[in-house]
Protein backbone atom coordinates (compact mmCIF):
# COMPACT_ATOMS: atom_id res chain seq x y z
CA MET A 1 0.00 0.00 0.00
CA ALA A 2 2.77 2.42 0.87
CA LYS A 3 4.35 2.07 -2.58
CA GLN A 4 1.09 2.87 -4.32
CA SER A 5 0.48 5.93 -2.20
CA LEU A 6 4.05 7.13 -2.78
CA LEU A 7 3.70 6.74 -6.53
CA LYS A 8 0.33 8.47 -6.47
CA GLU A 9 1.78 11.31 -4.41
CA LEU A 10 4.70 11.74 -6.83
CA VAL A 11 2.35 11.90 -9.82
CA GLN A 12 0.13 14.43 -8.09
CA PHE A 13 3.17 16.54 -7.22
CA ALA A 14 4.41 16.48 -10.83
CA MET A 15 0.99 17.53 -12.10
CA ARG A 16 0.47 20.25 -9.51
CA GLU A 17 3.95 21.79 -9.74
CA LYS A 18 4.39 21.22 -13.50
CA LYS A 19 7.57 19.21 -12.89
CA TRP A 20 7.24 16.98 -15.95
CA TRP A 21 11.01 16.49 -16.14
CA LEU A 22 10.67 14.22 -13.10
CA VAL A 23 8.69 11.60 -15.03
CA PRO A 24 11.54 10.34 -17.28
CA LEU A 25 13.91 10.43 -14.31
CA LEU A 26 11.58 8.25 -12.25
CA VAL A 27 11.06 5.83 -15.14
CA ILE A 28 14.81 5.42 -15.60
CA LEU A 29 15.31 4.87 -11.86
CA VAL A 30 12.61 2.20 -11.82
CA ILE A 31 14.18 0.43 -14.82
CA ILE A 32 17.64 0.47 -13.24
CA GLY A 33 16.20 -0.78 -9.95
CA GLY A 34 14.42 -3.59 -11.76
CA LEU A 35 17.61 -4.58 -13.56
CA ILE A 36 19.50 -4.69 -10.26
CA VAL A 37 16.87 -6.91 -8.65
CA PHE A 38 16.73 -9.14 -11.75
CA ALA A 39 20.54 -9.40 -11.89
CA GLN A 40 20.77 -10.62 -8.30
CA SER A 41 18.35 -13.49 -8.79
CA SER A 42 19.12 -14.62 -12.30
CA ALA A 43 21.54 -16.89 -14.11
CA LEU A 44 22.06 -13.97 -16.49
CA ALA A 45 23.72 -11.91 -13.74
CA PRO A 46 27.27 -12.17 -15.17
CA PHE A 47 26.03 -10.72 -18.45
CA LEU A 48 24.24 -7.78 -16.82
CA TYR A 49 27.07 -6.68 -14.53
CA PRO A 50 29.09 -4.93 -17.29
CA PHE A 51 26.22 -2.45 -17.69
CA PHE A 52 26.83 -1.21 -14.14
């Protein structure tokens, strides 16, 4: 629940304050976070490490 409310709050902040440059930044951070989590639990980890 906390993650959903945080995401909702960030979207509302971006809309209210016209901070649209935050959206691509957040998307990139989520993608990088997902890659890190995937790399730790995957057999493909040695192939993903050179990207970091």
